[in-house]
Amino acid sequence: MKDICCIGHITHDRILTPQRSIDMAGGTAFYFAYGINPLPKEVSFQLITKVGNDSLDEVERMREAGIEIIASHSRKTVFFENKYGEDANQRTQR
């Protein structure tokens, strides 16, 4: 049994601003896993997620960083597009 278990998606995020477009991994579970990873190893943690083939490299990078992951296969990775205008406080999400 783990001390902490997080169940959630590693997402594929596209960030659009007037200056550029960036594709990157994201999702609450993704950021939570990296945030919890520096805790002492006496605190056991595991991330349970579901991703498509396009995110398997990200799962491997997380494992290389020391994050324990159970990654089930999905047809597609959850995708979010976050579009920002000149005012970075205003966002539309698709």
PDB file of N, CA and C in Angstrom:
ATOM      1  N   MET A   1       0.840  -1.178   0.000  1.00  0.00           N
ATOM      2  CA  MET A   1       0.000   0.000   0.000  1.00  0.00           C
ATOM      3  C   MET A   1       0.888   1.245   0.000  1.00  0.00           C
ATOM      4  N   LYS A   2       0.484   2.245  -0.759  1.00  0.00           N
ATOM      5  CA  LYS A   2       1.222   3.505  -0.855  1.00  0.00           C
ATOM      6  C   LYS A   2       0.698   4.497   0.175  1.00  0.00           C
ATOM      7  N   ASP A   3       1.576   5.400   0.587  1.00  0.00           N
ATOM      8  CA  ASP A   3       1.134   6.472   1.483  1.00  0.00           C
ATOM      9  C   ASP A   3       0.226   7.450   0.743  1.00  0.00           C
ATOM     10  N   ILE A   4       0.599   7.750  -0.506  1.00  0.00           N
ATOM     11  CA  ILE A   4      -0.161   8.713  -1.314  1.00  0.00           C
ATOM     12  C   ILE A   4      -0.340   8.126  -2.705  1.00  0.00           C
ATOM     13  N   CYS A   5      -1.566   8.171  -3.204  1.00  0.00           N
ATOM     14  CA  CYS A   5      -1.859   7.712  -4.560  1.00  0.00           C
ATOM     15  C   CYS A   5      -2.650   8.810  -5.261  1.00  0.00           C
ATOM     16  N   CYS A   6      -2.241   9.133  -6.452  1.00  0.00           N
ATOM     17  CA  CYS A   6      -2.947  10.136  -7.254  1.00  0.00           C
ATOM     18  C   CYS A   6      -3.479   9.433  -8.493  1.00  0.00           C
ATOM     19  N   ILE A   7      -4.754   9.609  -8.772  1.00  0.00           N
ATOM     20  CA  ILE A   7      -5.375   9.038  -9.959  1.00  0.00           C
ATOM     21  C   ILE A   7      -5.829  10.208 -10.821  1.00  0.00           C
ATOM     22  N   GLY A   8      -5.285  10.288 -12.025  1.00  0.00           N
ATOM     23  CA  GLY A   8      -5.665  11.378 -12.918  1.00  0.00           C
ATOM     24  C   GLY A   8      -4.890  11.324 -14.213  1.00  0.00           C
ATOM     25  N   HIS A   9      -5.248  12.217 -15.105  1.00  0.00           N
ATOM     26  CA  HIS A   9      -4.669  12.217 -16.444  1.00  0.00           C
ATOM     27  C   HIS A   9      -3.390  13.041 -16.550  1.00  0.00           C
ATOM     28  N   ILE A  10      -2.447  12.481 -17.283  1.00  0.00           N
ATOM     29  CA  ILE A  10      -1.371  13.295 -17.869  1.00  0.00           C
ATOM     30  C   ILE A  10      -1.976  13.770 -19.185  1.00  0.00           C
ATOM     31  N   THR A  11      -2.046  15.056 -19.388  1.00  0.00           N
ATOM     32  CA  THR A  11      -2.710  15.591 -20.574  1.00  0.00           C
ATOM     33  C   THR A  11      -1.696  16.117 -21.578  1.00  0.00           C
ATOM     34  N   HIS A  12      -2.168  16.280 -22.792  1.00  0.00           N
ATOM     35  CA  HIS A  12      -1.396  16.965 -23.830  1.00  0.00           C
ATOM     36  C   HIS A  12      -2.004  18.358 -23.904  1.00  0.00           C
ATOM     37  N   ASP A  13      -1.223  19.354 -23.552  1.00  0.00           N
ATOM     38  CA  ASP A  13      -1.716  20.734 -23.532  1.00  0.00           C
ATOM     39  C   ASP A  13      -1.100  21.537 -24.666  1.00  0.00           C
ATOM     40  N   ARG A  14      -1.914  22.344 -25.287  1.00  0.00           N
ATOM     41  CA  ARG A  14      -1.433  23.316 -26.272  1.00  0.00           C
ATOM     42  C   ARG A  14      -1.727  24.702 -25.709  1.00  0.00           C
ATOM     43  N   ILE A  15      -0.674  25.495 -25.547  1.00  0.00           N
ATOM     44  CA  ILE A  15      -0.794  26.852 -25.023  1.00  0.00           C
ATOM     45  C   ILE A  15      -0.609  27.820 -26.191  1.00  0.00           C
ATOM     46  N   LEU A  16      -1.634  28.612 -26.449  1.00  0.00           N
ATOM     47  CA  LEU A  16      -1.591  29.587 -27.538  1.00  0.00           C
ATOM     48  C   LEU A  16      -1.601  30.988 -26.956  1.00  0.00           C
ATOM     49  N   THR A  17      -0.615  31.782 -27.321  1.00  0.00           N
ATOM     50  CA  THR A  17      -0.567  33.197 -26.937  1.00  0.00           C
ATOM     51  C   THR A  17      -0.379  34.008 -28.216  1.00  0.00           C
ATOM     52  N   PRO A  18      -0.551  35.314 -28.152  1.00  0.00           N
ATOM     53  CA  PRO A  18      -0.303  36.111 -29.344  1.00  0.00           C
ATOM     54  C   PRO A  18       1.139  35.981 -29.859  1.00  0.00           C
ATOM     55  N   GLN A  19       2.074  35.597 -28.987  1.00  0.00           N
ATOM     56  CA  GLN A  19       3.473  35.505 -29.382  1.00  0.00           C
ATOM     57  C   GLN A  19       3.886  34.130 -29.903  1.00  0.00           C
ATOM     58  N   ARG A  20       3.266  33.048 -29.384  1.00  0.00           N
ATOM     59  CA  ARG A  20       3.706  31.712 -29.785  1.00  0.00           C
ATOM     60  C   ARG A  20       2.713  30.627 -29.398  1.00  0.00           C
ATOM     61  N   SER A  21       3.023  29.419 -29.856  1.00  0.00           N
ATOM     62  CA  SER A  21       2.243  28.229 -29.548  1.00  0.00           C
ATOM     63  C   SER A  21       3.196  27.169 -29.006  1.00  0.00           C
ATOM     64  N   ILE A  22       2.812  26.532 -27.886  1.00  0.00           N
ATOM     65  CA  ILE A  22       3.654  25.520 -27.252  1.00  0.00           C
ATOM     66  C   ILE A  22       2.799  24.292 -26.962  1.00  0.00           C
ATOM     67  N   ASP A  23       3.312  23.124 -27.283  1.00  0.00           N
ATOM     68  CA  ASP A  23       2.688  21.870 -26.892  1.00  0.00           C
ATOM     69  C   ASP A  23       3.518  21.281 -25.766  1.00  0.00           C
ATOM     70  N   MET A  24       2.842  20.813 -24.711  1.00  0.00           N
ATOM     71  CA  MET A  24       3.554  20.291 -23.549  1.00  0.00           C
ATOM     72  C   MET A  24       2.651  19.368 -22.750  1.00  0.00           C
ATOM     73  N   ALA A  25       3.267  18.568 -21.892  1.00  0.00           N
ATOM     74  CA  ALA A  25       2.490  17.734 -20.979  1.00  0.00           C
ATOM     75  C   ALA A  25       1.884  18.619 -19.898  1.00  0.00           C
ATOM     76  N   GLY A  26       0.790  18.170 -19.341  1.00  0.00           N
ATOM     77  CA  GLY A  26       0.154  18.936 -18.277  1.00  0.00           C
ATOM     78  C   GLY A  26      -0.850  18.066 -17.538  1.00  0.00           C
ATOM     79  N   GLY A  27      -1.757  18.726 -16.873  1.00  0.00           N
ATOM     80  CA  GLY A  27      -2.777  18.042 -16.091  1.00  0.00           C
ATOM     81  C   GLY A  27      -2.442  18.095 -14.609  1.00  0.00           C
ATOM     82  N   THR A  28      -3.476  18.122 -13.799  1.00  0.00           N
ATOM     83  CA  THR A  28      -3.291  18.203 -12.352  1.00  0.00           C
ATOM     84  C   THR A  28      -2.442  17.059 -11.821  1.00  0.00           C
ATOM     85  N   ALA A  29      -2.698  15.844 -12.290  1.00  0.00           N
ATOM     86  CA  ALA A  29      -1.943  14.684 -11.811  1.00  0.00           C
ATOM     87  C   ALA A  29      -0.463  14.794 -12.181  1.00  0.00           C
ATOM     88  N   PHE A  30      -0.174  15.305 -13.366  1.00  0.00           N
ATOM     89  CA  PHE A  30       1.209  15.502 -13.834  1.00  0.00           C
ATOM     90  C   PHE A  30       1.948  16.452 -12.892  1.00  0.00           C
ATOM     91  N   TYR A  31       1.351  17.611 -12.627  1.00  0.00           N
ATOM     92  CA  TYR A  31       2.011  18.608 -11.766  1.00  0.00           C
ATOM     93  C   TYR A  31       2.077  18.140 -10.314  1.00  0.00           C
ATOM     94  N   PHE A  32       1.046  17.436  -9.869  1.00  0.00           N
ATOM     95  CA  PHE A  32       1.049  16.910  -8.505  1.00  0.00           C
ATOM     96  C   PHE A  32       2.197  15.918  -8.324  1.00  0.00           C
ATOM     97  N   ALA A  33       2.382  15.026  -9.305  1.00  0.00           N
ATOM     98  CA  ALA A  33       3.437  14.008  -9.213  1.00  0.00           C
ATOM     99  C   ALA A  33       4.817  14.659  -9.114  1.00  0.00           C
ATOM    100  N   TYR A  34       5.067  15.672  -9.927  1.00  0.00           N
ATOM    101  CA  TYR A  34       6.364  16.352  -9.851  1.00  0.00           C
ATOM    102  C   TYR A  34       6.499  17.144  -8.552  1.00  0.00           C
ATOM    103  N   GLY A  35       5.388  17.659  -8.035  1.00  0.00           N
ATOM    104  CA  GLY A  35       5.432  18.407  -6.780  1.00  0.00           C
ATOM    105  C   GLY A  35       5.704  17.521  -5.576  1.00  0.00           C
ATOM    106  N   ILE A  36       5.186  16.320  -5.613  1.00  0.00           N
ATOM    107  CA  ILE A  36       5.339  15.416  -4.469  1.00  0.00           C
ATOM    108  C   ILE A  36       6.651  14.630  -4.534  1.00  0.00           C
ATOM    109  N   ASN A  37       7.227  14.523  -5.714  1.00  0.00           N
ATOM    110  CA  ASN A  37       8.415  13.693  -5.926  1.00  0.00           C
ATOM    111  C   ASN A  37       9.606  14.040  -5.028  1.00  0.00           C
ATOM    112  N   PRO A  38       9.836  15.307  -4.675  1.00  0.00           N
ATOM    113  CA  PRO A  38      10.994  15.613  -3.810  1.00  0.00           C
ATOM    114  C   PRO A  38      10.837  15.194  -2.342  1.00  0.00           C
ATOM    115  N   LEU A  39       9.651  14.735  -1.943  1.00  0.00           N
ATOM    116  CA  LEU A  39       9.483  14.308  -0.553  1.00  0.00           C
ATOM    117  C   LEU A  39      10.445  13.164  -0.236  1.00  0.00           C
ATOM    118  N   PRO A  40      10.777  12.998   1.031  1.00  0.00           N
ATOM    119  CA  PRO A  40      11.635  11.866   1.400  1.00  0.00           C
ATOM    120  C   PRO A  40      11.027  10.554   0.907  1.00  0.00           C
ATOM    121  N   LYS A  41      11.864   9.642   0.476  1.00  0.00           N
ATOM    122  CA  LYS A  41      11.385   8.379  -0.101  1.00  0.00           C
ATOM    123  C   LYS A  41      10.668   7.495   0.912  1.00  0.00           C
ATOM    124  N   GLU A  42      10.717   7.850   2.206  1.00  0.00           N
ATOM    125  CA  GLU A  42       9.925   7.114   3.193  1.00  0.00           C
ATOM    126  C   GLU A  42       8.435   7.328   2.940  1.00  0.00           C
ATOM    127  N   VAL A  43       8.084   8.401   2.225  1.00  0.00           N
ATOM    128  CA  VAL A  43       6.695   8.674   1.848  1.00  0.00           C
ATOM    129  C   VAL A  43       6.506   8.079   0.454  1.00  0.00           C
ATOM    130  N   SER A  44       5.811   6.954   0.385  1.00  0.00           N
ATOM    131  CA  SER A  44       5.646   6.286  -0.912  1.00  0.00           C
ATOM    132  C   SER A  44       4.491   6.917  -1.690  1.00  0.00           C
ATOM    133  N   PHE A  45       4.714   7.073  -2.991  1.00  0.00           N
ATOM    134  CA  PHE A  45       3.754   7.738  -3.869  1.00  0.00           C
ATOM    135  C   PHE A  45       3.642   6.962  -5.172  1.00  0.00           C
ATOM    136  N   GLN A  46       2.429   6.961  -5.712  1.00  0.00           N
ATOM    137  CA  GLN A  46       2.206   6.338  -7.008  1.00  0.00           C
ATOM    138  C   GLN A  46       1.158   7.140  -7.770  1.00  0.00           C
ATOM    139  N   LEU A  47       1.409   7.319  -9.068  1.00  0.00           N
ATOM    140  CA  LEU A  47       0.459   7.973  -9.968  1.00  0.00           C
ATOM    141  C   LEU A  47      -0.172   6.896 -10.834  1.00  0.00           C
ATOM    142  N   ILE A  48      -1.488   6.915 -10.923  1.00  0.00           N
ATOM    143  CA  ILE A  48      -2.219   6.013 -11.805  1.00  0.00           C
ATOM    144  C   ILE A  48      -2.872   6.873 -12.872  1.00  0.00           C
ATOM    145  N   THR A  49      -2.565   6.584 -14.133  1.00  0.00           N
ATOM    146  CA  THR A  49      -3.041   7.413 -15.228  1.00  0.00           C
ATOM    147  C   THR A  49      -3.386   6.565 -16.431  1.00  0.00           C
ATOM    148  N   LYS A  50      -3.908   7.207 -17.434  1.00  0.00           N
ATOM    149  CA  LYS A  50      -4.258   6.550 -18.684  1.00  0.00           C
ATOM    150  C   LYS A  50      -3.852   7.497 -19.799  1.00  0.00           C
ATOM    151  N   VAL A  51      -3.016   7.013 -20.724  1.00  0.00           N
ATOM    152  CA  VAL A  51      -2.514   7.873 -21.802  1.00  0.00           C
ATOM    153  C   VAL A  51      -2.516   7.120 -23.130  1.00  0.00           C
ATOM    154  N   GLY A  52      -2.486   7.891 -24.211  1.00  0.00           N
ATOM    155  CA  GLY A  52      -2.333   7.327 -25.546  1.00  0.00           C
ATOM    156  C   GLY A  52      -0.858   7.158 -25.870  1.00  0.00           C
ATOM    157  N   ASN A  53      -0.596   6.565 -27.012  1.00  0.00           N
ATOM    158  CA  ASN A  53       0.788   6.316 -27.436  1.00  0.00           C
ATOM    159  C   ASN A  53       1.616   7.593 -27.526  1.00  0.00           C
ATOM    160  N   ASP A  54       0.975   8.713 -27.839  1.00  0.00           N
ATOM    161  CA  ASP A  54       1.715   9.972 -28.000  1.00  0.00           C
ATOM    162  C   ASP A  54       2.295  10.496 -26.686  1.00  0.00           C
ATOM    163  N   SER A  55       1.878   9.957 -25.555  1.00  0.00           N
ATOM    164  CA  SER A  55       2.384  10.434 -24.259  1.00  0.00           C
ATOM    165  C   SER A  55       3.280   9.427 -23.549  1.00  0.00           C
ATOM    166  N   LEU A  56       3.595   8.324 -24.192  1.00  0.00           N
ATOM    167  CA  LEU A  56       4.429   7.303 -23.543  1.00  0.00           C
ATOM    168  C   LEU A  56       5.836   7.817 -23.240  1.00  0.00           C
ATOM    169  N   ASP A  57       6.374   8.708 -24.093  1.00  0.00           N
ATOM    170  CA  ASP A  57       7.692   9.295 -23.816  1.00  0.00           C
ATOM    171  C   ASP A  57       7.657  10.119 -22.531  1.00  0.00           C
ATOM    172  N   GLU A  58       6.568  10.831 -22.312  1.00  0.00           N
ATOM    173  CA  GLU A  58       6.436  11.643 -21.092  1.00  0.00           C
ATOM    174  C   GLU A  58       6.360  10.752 -19.861  1.00  0.00           C
ATOM    175  N   VAL A  59       5.652   9.646 -19.964  1.00  0.00           N
ATOM    176  CA  VAL A  59       5.572   8.690 -18.858  1.00  0.00           C
ATOM    177  C   VAL A  59       6.971   8.167 -18.541  1.00  0.00           C
ATOM    178  N   GLU A  60       7.749   7.868 -19.568  1.00  0.00           N
ATOM    179  CA  GLU A  60       9.107   7.366 -19.353  1.00  0.00           C
ATOM    180  C   GLU A  60       9.989   8.427 -18.693  1.00  0.00           C
ATOM    181  N   ARG A  61       9.860   9.688 -19.105  1.00  0.00           N
ATOM    182  CA  ARG A  61      10.628  10.777 -18.464  1.00  0.00           C
ATOM    183  C   ARG A  61      10.275  10.890 -16.986  1.00  0.00           C
ATOM    184  N   MET A  62       9.003  10.737 -16.665  1.00  0.00           N
ATOM    185  CA  MET A  62       8.576  10.812 -15.273  1.00  0.00           C
ATOM    186  C   MET A  62       9.169   9.657 -14.471  1.00  0.00           C
ATOM    187  N   ARG A  63       9.174   8.474 -15.059  1.00  0.00           N
ATOM    188  CA  ARG A  63       9.778   7.325 -14.382  1.00  0.00           C
ATOM    189  C   ARG A  63      11.271   7.551 -14.155  1.00  0.00           C
ATOM    190  N   GLU A  64      11.950   8.112 -15.157  1.00  0.00           N
ATOM    191  CA  GLU A  64      13.375   8.414 -15.017  1.00  0.00           C
ATOM    192  C   GLU A  64      13.624   9.435 -13.913  1.00  0.00           C
ATOM    193  N   ALA A  65      12.629  10.291 -13.659  1.00  0.00           N
ATOM    194  CA  ALA A  65      12.736  11.281 -12.582  1.00  0.00           C
ATOM    195  C   ALA A  65      12.446  10.656 -11.216  1.00  0.00           C
ATOM    196  N   GLY A  66      12.080   9.368 -11.197  1.00  0.00           N
ATOM    197  CA  GLY A  66      11.838   8.682  -9.928  1.00  0.00           C
ATOM    198  C   GLY A  66      10.383   8.597  -9.523  1.00  0.00           C
ATOM    199  N   ILE A  67       9.472   8.941 -10.415  1.00  0.00           N
ATOM    200  CA  ILE A  67       8.041   8.897 -10.115  1.00  0.00           C
ATOM    201  C   ILE A  67       7.503   7.517 -10.487  1.00  0.00           C
ATOM    202  N   GLU A  68       6.847   6.857  -9.541  1.00  0.00           N
ATOM    203  CA  GLU A  68       6.259   5.544  -9.806  1.00  0.00           C
ATOM    204  C   GLU A  68       4.904   5.732 -10.476  1.00  0.00           C
ATOM    205  N   ILE A  69       4.738   5.128 -11.639  1.00  0.00           N
ATOM    206  CA  ILE A  69       3.522   5.332 -12.437  1.00  0.00           C
ATOM    207  C   ILE A  69       2.967   3.990 -12.908  1.00  0.00           C
ATOM    208  N   ILE A  70       1.667   3.855 -12.791  1.00  0.00           N
ATOM    209  CA  ILE A  70       0.940   2.807 -13.491  1.00  0.00           C
ATOM    210  C   ILE A  70       0.207   3.530 -14.614  1.00  0.00           C
ATOM    211  N   ALA A  71       0.590   3.250 -15.858  1.00  0.00           N
ATOM    212  CA  ALA A  71       0.000   3.933 -17.014  1.00  0.00           C
ATOM    213  C   ALA A  71      -0.740   2.918 -17.869  1.00  0.00           C
ATOM    214  N   SER A  72      -2.041   3.014 -17.883  1.00  0.00           N
ATOM    215  CA  SER A  72      -2.859   2.158 -18.737  1.00  0.00           C
ATOM    216  C   SER A  72      -2.974   2.802 -20.113  1.00  0.00           C
ATOM    217  N   HIS A  73      -3.238   1.974 -21.097  1.00  0.00           N
ATOM    218  CA  HIS A  73      -3.339   2.480 -22.465  1.00  0.00           C
ATOM    219  C   HIS A  73      -4.729   3.039 -22.745  1.00  0.00           C
ATOM    220  N   SER A  74      -4.729   4.141 -23.474  1.00  0.00           N
ATOM    221  CA  SER A  74      -5.957   4.760 -23.940  1.00  0.00           C
ATOM    222  C   SER A  74      -5.813   5.000 -25.438  1.00  0.00           C
ATOM    223  N   ARG A  75      -6.923   5.048 -26.150  1.00  0.00           N
ATOM    224  CA  ARG A  75      -6.845   5.340 -27.580  1.00  0.00           C
ATOM    225  C   ARG A  75      -6.179   6.679 -27.834  1.00  0.00           C
ATOM    226  N   LYS A  76      -6.484   7.655 -27.002  1.00  0.00           N
ATOM    227  CA  LYS A  76      -5.935   8.998 -27.153  1.00  0.00           C
ATOM    228  C   LYS A  76      -5.625   9.579 -25.783  1.00  0.00           C
ATOM    229  N   THR A  77      -4.681  10.492 -25.762  1.00  0.00           N
ATOM    230  CA  THR A  77      -4.373  11.254 -24.546  1.00  0.00           C
ATOM    231  C   THR A  77      -5.363  12.413 -24.454  1.00  0.00           C
ATOM    232  N   VAL A  78      -5.802  12.727 -23.242  1.00  0.00           N
ATOM    233  CA  VAL A  78      -6.685  13.879 -23.034  1.00  0.00           C
ATOM    234  C   VAL A  78      -5.959  15.126 -23.527  1.00  0.00           C
ATOM    235  N   PHE A  79      -6.645  15.958 -24.318  1.00  0.00           N
ATOM    236  CA  PHE A  79      -6.052  17.136 -24.945  1.00  0.00           C
ATOM    237  C   PHE A  79      -6.782  18.388 -24.492  1.00  0.00           C
ATOM    238  N   PHE A  80      -6.012  19.399 -24.110  1.00  0.00           N
ATOM    239  CA  PHE A  80      -6.567  20.714 -23.791  1.00  0.00           C
ATOM    240  C   PHE A  80      -5.851  21.772 -24.611  1.00  0.00           C
ATOM    241  N   GLU A  81      -6.621  22.702 -25.139  1.00  0.00           N
ATOM    242  CA  GLU A  81      -6.046  23.863 -25.814  1.00  0.00           C
ATOM    243  C   GLU A  81      -6.422  25.088 -24.989  1.00  0.00           C
ATOM    244  N   ASN A  82      -5.401  25.797 -24.503  1.00  0.00           N
ATOM    245  CA  ASN A  82      -5.604  27.000 -23.702  1.00  0.00           C
ATOM    246  C   ASN A  82      -5.143  28.192 -24.528  1.00  0.00           C
ATOM    247  N   LYS A  83      -6.080  29.066 -24.831  1.00  0.00           N
ATOM    248  CA  LYS A  83      -5.787  30.219 -25.683  1.00  0.00           C
ATOM    249  C   LYS A  83      -5.867  31.494 -24.856  1.00  0.00           C
ATOM    250  N   TYR A  84      -4.760  32.248 -24.876  1.00  0.00           N
ATOM    251  CA  TYR A  84      -4.653  33.506 -24.142  1.00  0.00           C
ATOM    252  C   TYR A  84      -4.573  34.662 -25.134  1.00  0.00           C
ATOM    253  N   GLY A  85      -5.207  35.767 -24.760  1.00  0.00           N
ATOM    254  CA  GLY A  85      -5.108  36.980 -25.568  1.00  0.00           C
ATOM    255  C   GLY A  85      -4.018  37.880 -25.010  1.00  0.00           C
ATOM    256  N   GLU A  86      -4.088  39.137 -25.327  1.00  0.00           N
ATOM    257  CA  GLU A  86      -3.110  40.116 -24.805  1.00  0.00           C
ATOM    258  C   GLU A  86      -3.181  40.169 -23.281  1.00  0.00           C
ATOM    259  N   ASP A  87      -4.375  40.007 -22.718  1.00  0.00           N
ATOM    260  CA  ASP A  87      -4.555  39.960 -21.269  1.00  0.00           C
ATOM    261  C   ASP A  87      -4.398  38.511 -20.826  1.00  0.00           C
ATOM    262  N   ALA A  88      -3.277  38.182 -20.197  1.00  0.00           N
ATOM    263  CA  ALA A  88      -2.975  36.802 -19.808  1.00  0.00           C
ATOM    264  C   ALA A  88      -3.941  36.272 -18.744  1.00  0.00           C
ATOM    265  N   ASN A  89      -4.748  37.129 -18.149  1.00  0.00           N
ATOM    266  CA  ASN A  89      -5.745  36.702 -17.172  1.00  0.00           C
ATOM    267  C   ASN A  89      -7.012  36.169 -17.851  1.00  0.00           C
ATOM    268  N   GLN A  90      -7.104  36.336 -19.138  1.00  0.00           N
ATOM    269  CA  GLN A  90      -8.265  35.871 -19.893  1.00  0.00           C
ATOM    270  C   GLN A  90      -7.863  34.665 -20.719  1.00  0.00           C
ATOM    271  N   ARG A  91      -8.578  33.545 -20.515  1.00  0.00           N
ATOM    272  CA  ARG A  91      -8.238  32.311 -21.209  1.00  0.00           C
ATOM    273  C   ARG A  91      -9.503  31.642 -21.687  1.00  0.00           C
ATOM    274  N   THR A  92      -9.420  31.045 -22.862  1.00  0.00           N
ATOM    275  CA  THR A  92     -10.473  30.156 -23.318  1.00  0.00           C
ATOM    276  C   THR A  92      -9.854  28.767 -23.420  1.00  0.00           C
ATOM    277  N   GLN A  93     -10.629  27.773 -23.061  1.00  0.00           N
ATOM    278  CA  GLN A  93     -10.124  26.405 -23.075  1.00  0.00           C
ATOM    279  C   GLN A  93     -11.030  25.535 -23.920  1.00  0.00           C
ATOM    280  N   ARG A  94     -10.372  24.720 -24.704  1.00  0.00           N
ATOM    281  CA  ARG A  94     -11.103  23.759 -25.537  1.00  0.00           C
ATOM    282  C   ARG A  94     -10.540  22.387 -25.270  1.00  0.00           C
TER     283      ARG A  94
END
